[in-house]
Every structure is written in C-alpha cells, then in structure tokens.
C-alpha cells in the first residue's frame, strides 16, 4: 500500500470518527425532535470530511481530484447505508 492510499484511509477514518461522535452528541440531546436530529446528523458529515481531507490536500499528499472522488464515493456509500437502515426500521 502506497503513502497516498494510507493517507486517504486515515483521513476517511478520522472523518468517520468525528462524524460518529457528532451524531452521538446530537442524538443525546433530549430537547430536539427526531426530525431535527435527522436534519442535523446527515449534513454534519461534510465539515468533518472537509477537515479530514483538506489537510492532506493542502500539504500535497493527495491530489484534489483523488480526494474529491474519495469524498463522493464514501458519502454515497454512507447515504445508501443510512437509507436502507432507515427503511428497515420502518418495517419493524
């Protein structure tokens, strides 16, 4: 595995960990309705991804186009997983 791949994997893991911590914090707020929580959790992903991928791009470790491809593909995968998990909770 080359350095670019390692850097991208670490960046994605940092973004995922930050987003999960933010999602946990949002879900633990009692005063917010379920709809507001959902509206806050999903967009919270983008600042974390920007922070995690911005540093390696600005240092020249990852090309901007490669970072954008990783962000888009990872974000699409997360949205698909969230869609199917939401769909399964409605059935039960």
Protein backbone atom coordinates (compact mmCIF):
# COMPACT_ATOMS: atom_id res chain seq x y z
CA UNK A 1 0.00 0.00 0.00
CA UNK A 2 1.46 3.33 -1.02
CA UNK A 3 1.56 6.52 1.07
CA UNK A 4 -1.35 8.18 -0.76
CA UNK A 5 -3.66 5.25 -0.05
CA UNK A 6 -2.66 5.17 3.62
CA UNK A 7 -3.20 8.90 3.96
CA UNK A 8 -6.63 8.65 2.35
CA UNK A 9 -7.68 5.75 4.60
CA UNK A 10 -6.56 7.58 7.74
CA UNK A 11 -8.36 10.74 6.60
CA UNK A 12 -11.59 8.83 5.99
CA UNK A 13 -11.34 7.14 9.39
CA UNK A 14 -10.76 10.49 11.12
CA UNK A 15 -13.80 11.95 9.36
CA UNK A 16 -15.92 8.91 10.23
CA UNK A 17 -14.90 9.01 13.89
CA UNK A 18 -15.64 12.72 14.12
CA UNK A 19 -19.00 12.32 12.43
CA UNK A 20 -19.98 9.42 14.70
CA UNK A 21 -19.05 11.44 17.78
CA UNK A 22 -21.07 14.40 16.48
CA UNK A 23 -24.03 12.13 15.66
CA UNK A 24 -23.90 10.63 19.14
CA UNK A 25 -23.85 14.09 20.70
CA UNK A 26 -26.83 15.21 18.57
CA UNK A 27 -28.83 12.07 19.34
CA UNK A 28 -28.26 12.51 23.08
CA UNK A 29 -29.94 15.94 23.11
CA UNK A 30 -33.38 15.45 24.66
CA UNK A 31 -34.84 18.81 23.62
CA UNK A 32 -34.53 18.17 19.88
CA UNK A 33 -37.24 16.38 17.94
CA UNK A 34 -36.41 13.28 15.92
CA UNK A 35 -36.84 15.17 12.66
CA UNK A 36 -34.44 17.95 13.72
CA UNK A 37 -31.88 15.36 14.84
CA UNK A 38 -32.00 13.67 11.43
CA UNK A 39 -31.68 17.03 9.69
CA UNK A 40 -28.55 17.80 11.74
CA UNK A 41 -26.81 14.43 11.64
CA UNK A 42 -26.50 13.92 7.89
CA UNK A 43 -25.10 17.38 6.99
CA UNK A 44 -22.63 17.11 9.90
CA UNK A 45 -20.66 14.68 7.72
CA UNK A 46 -19.46 17.32 5.26
CA UNK A 47 -17.48 19.56 7.63
CA UNK A 48 -15.71 16.50 9.03
CA UNK A 49 -14.84 15.28 5.55
CA UNK A 50 -13.62 18.74 4.59
CA UNK A 51 -11.37 18.95 7.63
CA UNK A 52 -10.03 15.42 7.27
CA UNK A 53 -9.29 15.67 3.54
CA UNK A 54 -8.32 19.34 3.48
CA UNK A 55 -5.09 18.91 5.39
CA UNK A 56 -3.55 16.21 3.14
CA UNK A 57 -4.68 18.08 0.00
CA UNK A 58 -3.19 21.36 1.18
CA UNK A 59 0.09 19.61 2.02
CA UNK A 60 0.21 17.98 -1.41
CA UNK A 61 -0.06 14.42 -0.12
CA UNK A 62 -3.28 13.76 -2.05
CA UNK A 63 -4.35 15.24 -5.38
CA UNK A 64 -7.54 17.30 -5.18
CA UNK A 65 -9.33 15.16 -7.78
CA UNK A 66 -8.47 11.95 -5.90
CA UNK A 67 -9.73 13.46 -2.65
CA UNK A 68 -12.98 14.56 -4.29
CA UNK A 69 -13.51 11.08 -5.74
CA UNK A 70 -12.98 9.51 -2.31
CA UNK A 71 -15.31 12.00 -0.62
CA UNK A 72 -18.09 11.49 -3.15
CA UNK A 73 -17.85 7.69 -3.18
CA UNK A 74 -17.67 7.41 0.62
CA UNK A 75 -20.55 9.87 1.05
CA UNK A 76 -22.71 7.97 -1.44
CA UNK A 77 -21.98 4.71 0.36
CA UNK A 78 -22.93 6.26 3.71
CA UNK A 79 -26.17 7.69 2.33
CA UNK A 80 -27.12 4.32 0.86
CA UNK A 81 -26.44 2.63 4.21
CA UNK A 82 -28.47 5.27 6.06
CA UNK A 83 -31.33 4.90 3.58
CA UNK A 84 -31.52 1.13 3.99
CA UNK A 85 -31.16 1.28 7.78
CA UNK A 86 -34.00 3.81 7.93
CA UNK A 87 -36.09 1.64 5.61
CA UNK A 88 -35.55 -1.43 7.81
CA UNK A 89 -36.56 0.43 10.99
CA UNK A 90 -39.88 1.43 9.43
CA UNK A 91 -40.80 -2.22 8.77
CA UNK A 92 -40.20 -3.45 12.31
